Structures are given as structure tokens and as C-alpha cells.
Amino acid sequence: MNDAEKTPLLNGSVFKTGDDAFQAQEAAFARRYRNATDEEVFQYVRNIAERLGRLPTKHDVPGFTYLKSRFGPWPRMLERAGMKERCRKKRRV
């Protein structure tokens, strides 16, 4: 990490920014929710949607990387959470 990516804190430690912070946040989310039921994880996403007042995008949800590895693509995760109707592809004839 170069100096431009570090922000010193008052206690002398360094707060990570950029990719390091994102990866740390994703790892913390995965540890917290790895033993959670699907319903508990879906409720986490529903709570975010309620706060936003709309369906969240994957960028709105901390822990998206873990959610994708557990449930697949974002639209499928929203469907499984009961937040979006299943999209049916039209077949060409």
C-alpha cells in the first residue's frame, strides 16, 4: 500500500482505503454471515431496500461478493429473496 492509499488515524494506526478496505469489509461480512440462514441473509438485503426506498443494486449492499458466491448473480439473489419476480427469457422461434 503506498502513502496515497493510507490515512493515518489519531491513535497512530493506519486506516486502509480503496481495494484493501473493500476486501476487509467483504471478508468481515462473509465471517459474520457464513452460518446465517438464507432467510437471515435475505432479510439483511430487504432491510437495505427498505432504507433506500427501492430495490438495491449490488453496489448498494456491503457483502455483495459473498452474496454472489452464495446465491449466484444479483438478479437471482433478489428473486430468491422475494424482492423481484423471476425474469423469463423470451424464446426465439
PDB file of N, CA and C in Angstrom:
ATOM      1  N   MET A   1       0.865  -1.170   0.000  1.00  0.00           N
ATOM      2  CA  MET A   1       0.000   0.000   0.000  1.00  0.00           C
ATOM      3  C   MET A   1       0.907   1.227   0.000  1.00  0.00           C
ATOM      4  N   ASN A   2       0.684   2.150  -0.909  1.00  0.00           N
ATOM      5  CA  ASN A   2       1.500   3.354  -0.931  1.00  0.00           C
ATOM      6  C   ASN A   2       0.899   4.415  -0.017  1.00  0.00           C
ATOM      7  N   ASP A   3       1.635   5.497   0.210  1.00  0.00           N
ATOM      8  CA  ASP A   3       1.184   6.532   1.144  1.00  0.00           C
ATOM      9  C   ASP A   3      -0.128   7.185   0.730  1.00  0.00           C
ATOM     10  N   ALA A   4      -0.408   7.238  -0.573  1.00  0.00           N
ATOM     11  CA  ALA A   4      -1.651   7.852  -1.040  1.00  0.00           C
ATOM     12  C   ALA A   4      -2.869   7.006  -0.684  1.00  0.00           C
ATOM     13  N   GLU A   5      -2.648   5.707  -0.396  1.00  0.00           N
ATOM     14  CA  GLU A   5      -3.759   4.819  -0.070  1.00  0.00           C
ATOM     15  C   GLU A   5      -3.948   4.651   1.429  1.00  0.00           C
ATOM     16  N   LYS A   6      -3.144   5.334   2.234  1.00  0.00           N
ATOM     17  CA  LYS A   6      -3.235   5.206   3.682  1.00  0.00           C
ATOM     18  C   LYS A   6      -3.685   6.525   4.298  1.00  0.00           C
ATOM     19  N   THR A   7      -4.515   6.424   5.304  1.00  0.00           N
ATOM     20  CA  THR A   7      -4.950   7.594   6.043  1.00  0.00           C
ATOM     21  C   THR A   7      -4.626   7.358   7.508  1.00  0.00           C
ATOM     22  N   PRO A   8      -3.720   8.153   8.091  1.00  0.00           N
ATOM     23  CA  PRO A   8      -3.377   7.927   9.498  1.00  0.00           C
ATOM     24  C   PRO A   8      -4.539   8.295  10.417  1.00  0.00           C
ATOM     25  N   LEU A   9      -4.722   7.486  11.448  1.00  0.00           N
ATOM     26  CA  LEU A   9      -5.728   7.763  12.463  1.00  0.00           C
ATOM     27  C   LEU A   9      -5.065   8.462  13.641  1.00  0.00           C
ATOM     28  N   LEU A  10      -5.873   9.040  14.526  1.00  0.00           N
ATOM     29  CA  LEU A  10      -5.338   9.767  15.673  1.00  0.00           C
ATOM     30  C   LEU A  10      -4.483   8.891  16.575  1.00  0.00           C
ATOM     31  N   ASN A  11      -4.805   7.592  16.659  1.00  0.00           N
ATOM     32  CA  ASN A  11      -4.056   6.716  17.548  1.00  0.00           C
ATOM     33  C   ASN A  11      -2.771   6.192  16.918  1.00  0.00           C
ATOM     34  N   GLY A  12      -2.430   6.649  15.700  1.00  0.00           N
ATOM     35  CA  GLY A  12      -1.189   6.255  15.061  1.00  0.00           C
ATOM     36  C   GLY A  12      -1.327   5.067  14.121  1.00  0.00           C
ATOM     37  N   SER A  13      -2.437   4.361  14.172  1.00  0.00           N
ATOM     38  CA  SER A  13      -2.618   3.246  13.250  1.00  0.00           C
ATOM     39  C   SER A  13      -3.035   3.804  11.890  1.00  0.00           C
ATOM     40  N   VAL A  14      -3.173   2.933  10.936  1.00  0.00           N
ATOM     41  CA  VAL A  14      -3.496   3.371   9.578  1.00  0.00           C
ATOM     42  C   VAL A  14      -4.821   2.763   9.153  1.00  0.00           C
ATOM     43  N   PHE A  15      -5.702   3.609   8.645  1.00  0.00           N
ATOM     44  CA  PHE A  15      -6.980   3.168   8.089  1.00  0.00           C
ATOM     45  C   PHE A  15      -6.765   2.879   6.623  1.00  0.00           C
ATOM     46  N   LYS A  16      -7.139   1.684   6.185  1.00  0.00           N
ATOM     47  CA  LYS A  16      -6.962   1.307   4.789  1.00  0.00           C
ATOM     48  C   LYS A  16      -8.078   1.895   3.938  1.00  0.00           C
ATOM     49  N   THR A  17      -7.731   2.332   2.766  1.00  0.00           N
ATOM     50  CA  THR A  17      -8.725   2.852   1.834  1.00  0.00           C
ATOM     51  C   THR A  17      -8.642   2.071   0.536  1.00  0.00           C
ATOM     52  N   GLY A  18      -9.567   2.293  -0.345  1.00  0.00           N
ATOM     53  CA  GLY A  18      -9.536   1.662  -1.660  1.00  0.00           C
ATOM     54  C   GLY A  18      -9.805   0.173  -1.592  1.00  0.00           C
ATOM     55  N   ASP A  19      -9.064  -0.587  -2.392  1.00  0.00           N
ATOM     56  CA  ASP A  19      -9.284  -2.024  -2.505  1.00  0.00           C
ATOM     57  C   ASP A  19      -9.081  -2.761  -1.193  1.00  0.00           C
ATOM     58  N   ASP A  20      -8.107  -2.349  -0.396  1.00  0.00           N
ATOM     59  CA  ASP A  20      -7.861  -3.021   0.878  1.00  0.00           C
ATOM     60  C   ASP A  20      -9.066  -2.897   1.800  1.00  0.00           C
ATOM     61  N   ALA A  21      -9.659  -1.735   1.853  1.00  0.00           N
ATOM     62  CA  ALA A  21     -10.826  -1.517   2.708  1.00  0.00           C
ATOM     63  C   ALA A  21     -12.003  -2.339   2.202  1.00  0.00           C
ATOM     64  N   PHE A  22     -12.181  -2.368   0.895  1.00  0.00           N
ATOM     65  CA  PHE A  22     -13.272  -3.145   0.304  1.00  0.00           C
ATOM     66  C   PHE A  22     -13.102  -4.626   0.631  1.00  0.00           C
ATOM     67  N   GLN A  23     -11.904  -5.153   0.443  1.00  0.00           N
ATOM     68  CA  GLN A  23     -11.660  -6.567   0.719  1.00  0.00           C
ATOM     69  C   GLN A  23     -11.839  -6.889   2.193  1.00  0.00           C
ATOM     70  N   ALA A  24     -11.418  -5.990   3.065  1.00  0.00           N
ATOM     71  CA  ALA A  24     -11.591  -6.202   4.501  1.00  0.00           C
ATOM     72  C   ALA A  24     -13.072  -6.209   4.862  1.00  0.00           C
ATOM     73  N   GLN A  25     -13.841  -5.314   4.277  1.00  0.00           N
ATOM     74  CA  GLN A  25     -15.279  -5.249   4.535  1.00  0.00           C
ATOM     75  C   GLN A  25     -15.968  -6.522   4.030  1.00  0.00           C
ATOM     76  N   GLU A  26     -15.611  -6.987   2.851  1.00  0.00           N
ATOM     77  CA  GLU A  26     -16.188  -8.207   2.298  1.00  0.00           C
ATOM     78  C   GLU A  26     -15.844  -9.415   3.171  1.00  0.00           C
ATOM     79  N   ALA A  27     -14.605  -9.505   3.633  1.00  0.00           N
ATOM     80  CA  ALA A  27     -14.194 -10.626   4.484  1.00  0.00           C
ATOM     81  C   ALA A  27     -14.945 -10.607   5.810  1.00  0.00           C
ATOM     82  N   ALA A  28     -15.113  -9.432   6.381  1.00  0.00           N
ATOM     83  CA  ALA A  28     -15.846  -9.314   7.645  1.00  0.00           C
ATOM     84  C   ALA A  28     -17.308  -9.734   7.456  1.00  0.00           C
ATOM     85  N   PHE A  29     -17.909  -9.331   6.359  1.00  0.00           N
ATOM     86  CA  PHE A  29     -19.294  -9.720   6.074  1.00  0.00           C
ATOM     87  C   PHE A  29     -19.397 -11.235   5.946  1.00  0.00           C
ATOM     88  N   ALA A  30     -18.485 -11.847   5.197  1.00  0.00           N
ATOM     89  CA  ALA A  30     -18.515 -13.297   4.996  1.00  0.00           C
ATOM     90  C   ALA A  30     -18.386 -14.038   6.325  1.00  0.00           C
ATOM     91  N   ARG A  31     -17.509 -13.570   7.200  1.00  0.00           N
ATOM     92  CA  ARG A  31     -17.365 -14.205   8.518  1.00  0.00           C
ATOM     93  C   ARG A  31     -18.652 -14.071   9.329  1.00  0.00           C
ATOM     94  N   ARG A  32     -19.268 -12.918   9.272  1.00  0.00           N
ATOM     95  CA  ARG A  32     -20.473 -12.663  10.062  1.00  0.00           C
ATOM     96  C   ARG A  32     -21.660 -13.504   9.594  1.00  0.00           C
ATOM     97  N   TYR A  33     -21.802 -13.675   8.289  1.00  0.00           N
ATOM     98  CA  TYR A  33     -22.998 -14.325   7.736  1.00  0.00           C
ATOM     99  C   TYR A  33     -22.783 -15.763   7.259  1.00  0.00           C
ATOM    100  N   ARG A  34     -21.599 -16.323   7.415  1.00  0.00           N
ATOM    101  CA  ARG A  34     -21.362 -17.670   6.876  1.00  0.00           C
ATOM    102  C   ARG A  34     -22.248 -18.735   7.519  1.00  0.00           C
ATOM    103  N   ASN A  35     -22.639 -18.551   8.765  1.00  0.00           N
ATOM    104  CA  ASN A  35     -23.509 -19.526   9.431  1.00  0.00           C
ATOM    105  C   ASN A  35     -24.966 -19.071   9.489  1.00  0.00           C
ATOM    106  N   ALA A  36     -25.269 -17.961   8.872  1.00  0.00           N
ATOM    107  CA  ALA A  36     -26.642 -17.442   8.872  1.00  0.00           C
ATOM    108  C   ALA A  36     -27.493 -18.257   7.909  1.00  0.00           C
ATOM    109  N   THR A  37     -28.777 -18.323   8.206  1.00  0.00           N
ATOM    110  CA  THR A  37     -29.688 -18.998   7.280  1.00  0.00           C
ATOM    111  C   THR A  37     -29.883 -18.120   6.043  1.00  0.00           C
ATOM    112  N   ASP A  38     -30.367 -18.728   4.983  1.00  0.00           N
ATOM    113  CA  ASP A  38     -30.669 -17.947   3.780  1.00  0.00           C
ATOM    114  C   ASP A  38     -31.642 -16.830   4.120  1.00  0.00           C
ATOM    115  N   GLU A  39     -32.654 -17.152   4.914  1.00  0.00           N
ATOM    116  CA  GLU A  39     -33.671 -16.155   5.268  1.00  0.00           C
ATOM    117  C   GLU A  39     -33.052 -14.975   6.019  1.00  0.00           C
ATOM    118  N   GLU A  40     -32.104 -15.223   6.894  1.00  0.00           N
ATOM    119  CA  GLU A  40     -31.447 -14.125   7.624  1.00  0.00           C
ATOM    120  C   GLU A  40     -30.665 -13.225   6.664  1.00  0.00           C
ATOM    121  N   VAL A  41     -30.017 -13.834   5.698  1.00  0.00           N
ATOM    122  CA  VAL A  41     -29.260 -13.048   4.722  1.00  0.00           C
ATOM    123  C   VAL A  41     -30.221 -12.260   3.836  1.00  0.00           C
ATOM    124  N   PHE A  42     -31.312 -12.893   3.403  1.00  0.00           N
ATOM    125  CA  PHE A  42     -32.299 -12.192   2.582  1.00  0.00           C
ATOM    126  C   PHE A  42     -32.899 -11.017   3.354  1.00  0.00           C
ATOM    127  N   GLN A  43     -33.134 -11.199   4.642  1.00  0.00           N
ATOM    128  CA  GLN A  43     -33.687 -10.113   5.457  1.00  0.00           C
ATOM    129  C   GLN A  43     -32.714  -8.943   5.540  1.00  0.00           C
ATOM    130  N   TYR A  44     -31.421  -9.236   5.606  1.00  0.00           N
ATOM    131  CA  TYR A  44     -30.390  -8.189   5.583  1.00  0.00           C
ATOM    132  C   TYR A  44     -30.560  -7.328   4.325  1.00  0.00           C
ATOM    133  N   VAL A  45     -30.732  -7.967   3.173  1.00  0.00           N
ATOM    134  CA  VAL A  45     -30.883  -7.233   1.905  1.00  0.00           C
ATOM    135  C   VAL A  45     -32.222  -6.493   1.877  1.00  0.00           C
ATOM    136  N   ARG A  46     -33.281  -7.117   2.387  1.00  0.00           N
ATOM    137  CA  ARG A  46     -34.587  -6.441   2.451  1.00  0.00           C
ATOM    138  C   ARG A  46     -34.518  -5.188   3.314  1.00  0.00           C
ATOM    139  N   ASN A  47     -33.786  -5.256   4.414  1.00  0.00           N
ATOM    140  CA  ASN A  47     -33.637  -4.081   5.281  1.00  0.00           C
ATOM    141  C   ASN A  47     -32.941  -2.937   4.545  1.00  0.00           C
ATOM    142  N   ILE A  48     -31.952  -3.262   3.745  1.00  0.00           N
ATOM    143  CA  ILE A  48     -31.269  -2.231   2.954  1.00  0.00           C
ATOM    144  C   ILE A  48     -32.250  -1.623   1.956  1.00  0.00           C
ATOM    145  N   ALA A  49     -33.043  -2.465   1.303  1.00  0.00           N
ATOM    146  CA  ALA A  49     -34.035  -1.973   0.343  1.00  0.00           C
ATOM    147  C   ALA A  49     -35.020  -1.036   1.032  1.00  0.00           C
ATOM    148  N   GLU A  50     -35.443  -1.399   2.218  1.00  0.00           N
ATOM    149  CA  GLU A  50     -36.385  -0.555   2.962  1.00  0.00           C
ATOM    150  C   GLU A  50     -35.773   0.808   3.282  1.00  0.00           C
ATOM    151  N   ARG A  51     -34.525   0.813   3.699  1.00  0.00           N
ATOM    152  CA  ARG A  51     -33.849   2.096   3.995  1.00  0.00           C
ATOM    153  C   ARG A  51     -33.690   2.947   2.749  1.00  0.00           C
ATOM    154  N   LEU A  52     -33.404   2.290   1.612  1.00  0.00           N
ATOM    155  CA  LEU A  52     -33.223   3.023   0.354  1.00  0.00           C
ATOM    156  C   LEU A  52     -34.542   3.459  -0.271  1.00  0.00           C
ATOM    157  N   GLY A  53     -35.600   2.720   0.011  1.00  0.00           N
ATOM    158  CA  GLY A  53     -36.886   3.002  -0.612  1.00  0.00           C
ATOM    159  C   GLY A  53     -36.972   2.491  -2.036  1.00  0.00           C
ATOM    160  N   ARG A  54     -36.135   1.523  -2.378  1.00  0.00           N
ATOM    161  CA  ARG A  54     -36.107   0.942  -3.719  1.00  0.00           C
ATOM    162  C   ARG A  54     -35.326  -0.372  -3.658  1.00  0.00           C
ATOM    163  N   LEU A  55     -35.362  -1.120  -4.748  1.00  0.00           N
ATOM    164  CA  LEU A  55     -34.532  -2.313  -4.823  1.00  0.00           C
ATOM    165  C   LEU A  55     -33.070  -1.895  -4.808  1.00  0.00           C
ATOM    166  N   PRO A  56     -32.266  -2.534  -4.010  1.00  0.00           N
ATOM    167  CA  PRO A  56     -30.852  -2.167  -4.001  1.00  0.00           C
ATOM    168  C   PRO A  56     -30.123  -2.749  -5.206  1.00  0.00           C
ATOM    169  N   THR A  57     -29.120  -2.047  -5.664  1.00  0.00           N
ATOM    170  CA  THR A  57     -28.220  -2.611  -6.663  1.00  0.00           C
ATOM    171  C   THR A  57     -27.120  -3.331  -5.892  1.00  0.00           C
ATOM    172  N   LYS A  58     -26.343  -4.110  -6.586  1.00  0.00           N
ATOM    173  CA  LYS A  58     -25.256  -4.814  -5.904  1.00  0.00           C
ATOM    174  C   LYS A  58     -24.266  -3.834  -5.282  1.00  0.00           C
ATOM    175  N   HIS A  59     -24.171  -2.651  -5.819  1.00  0.00           N
ATOM    176  CA  HIS A  59     -23.245  -1.648  -5.283  1.00  0.00           C
ATOM    177  C   HIS A  59     -23.764  -1.002  -4.002  1.00  0.00           C
ATOM    178  N   ASP A  60     -25.040  -1.167  -3.720  1.00  0.00           N
ATOM    179  CA  ASP A  60     -25.641  -0.620  -2.503  1.00  0.00           C
ATOM    180  C   ASP A  60     -25.433  -1.522  -1.297  1.00  0.00           C
ATOM    181  N   VAL A  61     -25.041  -2.768  -1.539  1.00  0.00           N
ATOM    182  CA  VAL A  61     -25.050  -3.775  -0.482  1.00  0.00           C
ATOM    183  C   VAL A  61     -23.643  -4.202  -0.089  1.00  0.00           C
ATOM    184  N   PRO A  62     -23.205  -3.808   1.110  1.00  0.00           N
ATOM    185  CA  PRO A  62     -21.926  -4.334   1.598  1.00  0.00           C
ATOM    186  C   PRO A  62     -22.038  -5.855   1.724  1.00  0.00           C
ATOM    187  N   GLY A  63     -21.046  -6.559   1.227  1.00  0.00           N
ATOM    188  CA  GLY A  63     -21.078  -8.011   1.268  1.00  0.00           C
ATOM    189  C   GLY A  63     -21.520  -8.639  -0.035  1.00  0.00           C
ATOM    190  N   PHE A  64     -21.628  -7.838  -1.088  1.00  0.00           N
ATOM    191  CA  PHE A  64     -22.101  -8.352  -2.364  1.00  0.00           C
ATOM    192  C   PHE A  64     -21.267  -9.528  -2.867  1.00  0.00           C
ATOM    193  N   THR A  65     -19.956  -9.480  -2.713  1.00  0.00           N
ATOM    194  CA  THR A  65     -19.100 -10.553  -3.214  1.00  0.00           C
ATOM    195  C   THR A  65     -19.481 -11.883  -2.560  1.00  0.00           C
ATOM    196  N   TYR A  66     -19.694 -11.855  -1.259  1.00  0.00           N
ATOM    197  CA  TYR A  66     -20.114 -13.066  -0.546  1.00  0.00           C
ATOM    198  C   TYR A  66     -21.503 -13.507  -1.007  1.00  0.00           C
ATOM    199  N   LEU A  67     -22.415 -12.557  -1.148  1.00  0.00           N
ATOM    200  CA  LEU A  67     -23.771 -12.887  -1.590  1.00  0.00           C
ATOM    201  C   LEU A  67     -23.752 -13.555  -2.959  1.00  0.00           C
ATOM    202  N   LYS A  68     -22.919 -13.049  -3.852  1.00  0.00           N
ATOM    203  CA  LYS A  68     -22.827 -13.627  -5.194  1.00  0.00           C
ATOM    204  C   LYS A  68     -22.284 -15.047  -5.131  1.00  0.00           C
ATOM    205  N   SER A  69     -21.286 -15.283  -4.283  1.00  0.00           N
ATOM    206  CA  SER A  69     -20.731 -16.634  -4.189  1.00  0.00           C
ATOM    207  C   SER A  69     -21.737 -17.608  -3.572  1.00  0.00           C
ATOM    208  N   ARG A  70     -22.607 -17.101  -2.733  1.00  0.00           N
ATOM    209  CA  ARG A  70     -23.587 -17.970  -2.057  1.00  0.00           C
ATOM    210  C   ARG A  70     -24.861 -18.185  -2.874  1.00  0.00           C
ATOM    211  N   PHE A  71     -25.340 -17.130  -3.563  1.00  0.00           N
ATOM    212  CA  PHE A  71     -26.634 -17.204  -4.233  1.00  0.00           C
ATOM    213  C   PHE A  71     -26.581 -17.049  -5.747  1.00  0.00           C
ATOM    214  N   GLY A  72     -25.444 -16.709  -6.295  1.00  0.00           N
ATOM    215  CA  GLY A  72     -25.349 -16.516  -7.741  1.00  0.00           C
ATOM    216  C   GLY A  72     -25.540 -15.060  -8.128  1.00  0.00           C
ATOM    217  N   PRO A  73     -25.848 -14.814  -9.393  1.00  0.00           N
ATOM    218  CA  PRO A  73     -25.964 -13.438  -9.891  1.00  0.00           C
ATOM    219  C   PRO A  73     -26.995 -12.616  -9.106  1.00  0.00           C
ATOM    220  N   TRP A  74     -26.775 -11.320  -9.066  1.00  0.00           N
ATOM    221  CA  TRP A  74     -27.613 -10.405  -8.279  1.00  0.00           C
ATOM    222  C   TRP A  74     -29.110 -10.547  -8.572  1.00  0.00           C
ATOM    223  N   PRO A  75     -29.542 -10.581  -9.841  1.00  0.00           N
ATOM    224  CA  PRO A  75     -30.979 -10.720 -10.098  1.00  0.00           C
ATOM    225  C   PRO A  75     -31.565 -12.008  -9.492  1.00  0.00           C
ATOM    226  N   ARG A  76     -30.796 -13.107  -9.538  1.00  0.00           N
ATOM    227  CA  ARG A  76     -31.284 -14.365  -8.952  1.00  0.00           C
ATOM    228  C   ARG A  76     -31.381 -14.257  -7.435  1.00  0.00           C
ATOM    229  N   MET A  77     -30.428 -13.547  -6.826  1.00  0.00           N
ATOM    230  CA  MET A  77     -30.461 -13.369  -5.378  1.00  0.00           C
ATOM    231  C   MET A  77     -31.701 -12.579  -4.980  1.00  0.00           C
ATOM    232  N   LEU A  78     -32.017 -11.522  -5.726  1.00  0.00           N
ATOM    233  CA  LEU A  78     -33.219 -10.728  -5.442  1.00  0.00           C
ATOM    234  C   LEU A  78     -34.483 -11.569  -5.623  1.00  0.00           C
ATOM    235  N   GLU A  79     -34.494 -12.430  -6.630  1.00  0.00           N
ATOM    236  CA  GLU A  79     -35.639 -13.322  -6.843  1.00  0.00           C
ATOM    237  C   GLU A  79     -35.805 -14.272  -5.665  1.00  0.00           C
ATOM    238  N   ARG A  80     -34.716 -14.881  -5.236  1.00  0.00           N
ATOM    239  CA  ARG A  80     -34.779 -15.830  -4.117  1.00  0.00           C
ATOM    240  C   ARG A  80     -35.197 -15.141  -2.826  1.00  0.00           C
ATOM    241  N   ALA A  81     -34.862 -13.867  -2.696  1.00  0.00           N
ATOM    242  CA  ALA A  81     -35.241 -13.100  -1.503  1.00  0.00           C
ATOM    243  C   ALA A  81     -36.692 -12.637  -1.575  1.00  0.00           C
ATOM    244  N   GLY A  82     -37.357 -12.891  -2.720  1.00  0.00           N
ATOM    245  CA  GLY A  82     -38.747 -12.493  -2.878  1.00  0.00           C
ATOM    246  C   GLY A  82     -38.918 -11.011  -3.157  1.00  0.00           C
ATOM    247  N   MET A  83     -37.875 -10.386  -3.662  1.00  0.00           N
ATOM    248  CA  MET A  83     -37.898  -8.946  -3.901  1.00  0.00           C
ATOM    249  C   MET A  83     -38.121  -8.601  -5.361  1.00  0.00           C
ATOM    250  N   LYS A  84     -38.023  -9.598  -6.226  1.00  0.00           N
ATOM    251  CA  LYS A  84     -38.133  -9.359  -7.658  1.00  0.00           C
ATOM    252  C   LYS A  84     -38.745 -10.595  -8.294  1.00  0.00           C
ATOM    253  N   GLU A  85     -39.641 -10.366  -9.258  1.00  0.00           N
ATOM    254  CA  GLU A  85     -40.219 -11.502  -9.967  1.00  0.00           C
ATOM    255  C   GLU A  85     -39.180 -12.116 -10.882  1.00  0.00           C
ATOM    256  N   ARG A  86     -39.315 -13.409 -11.068  1.00  0.00           N
ATOM    257  CA  ARG A  86     -38.380 -14.116 -11.929  1.00  0.00           C
ATOM    258  C   ARG A  86     -38.521 -13.604 -13.353  1.00  0.00           C
ATOM    259  N   CYS A  87     -37.405 -13.287 -13.951  1.00  0.00           N
ATOM    260  CA  CYS A  87     -37.388 -12.801 -15.329  1.00  0.00           C
ATOM    261  C   CYS A  87     -37.437 -14.008 -16.259  1.00  0.00           C
ATOM    262  N   ARG A  88     -38.374 -13.993 -17.137  1.00  0.00           N
ATOM    263  CA  ARG A  88     -38.494 -15.107 -18.082  1.00  0.00           C
ATOM    264  C   ARG A  88     -37.989 -14.629 -19.450  1.00  0.00           C
ATOM    265  N   LYS A  89     -37.004 -15.372 -19.936  1.00  0.00           N
ATOM    266  CA  LYS A  89     -36.464 -15.024 -21.239  1.00  0.00           C
ATOM    267  C   LYS A  89     -37.432 -15.467 -22.321  1.00  0.00           C
ATOM    268  N   LYS A  90     -37.610 -14.621 -23.294  1.00  0.00           N
ATOM    269  CA  LYS A  90     -38.467 -14.968 -24.421  1.00  0.00           C
ATOM    270  C   LYS A  90     -37.659 -15.822 -25.387  1.00  0.00           C
ATOM    271  N   ARG A  91     -38.244 -16.917 -25.782  1.00  0.00           N
ATOM    272  CA  ARG A  91     -37.571 -17.801 -26.690  1.00  0.00           C
ATOM    273  C   ARG A  91     -37.837 -17.369 -28.123  1.00  0.00           C
ATOM    274  N   ARG A  92     -36.801 -17.386 -28.892  1.00  0.00           N
ATOM    275  CA  ARG A  92     -36.953 -17.072 -30.322  1.00  0.00           C
ATOM    276  C   ARG A  92     -37.457 -18.294 -31.042  1.00  0.00           C
ATOM    277  N   VAL A  93     -38.335 -18.070 -31.962  1.00  0.00           N
ATOM    278  CA  VAL A  93     -38.904 -19.189 -32.726  1.00  0.00           C
ATOM    279  C   VAL A  93     -38.362 -19.169 -34.135  1.00  0.00           C
TER     280      VAL A  93
END
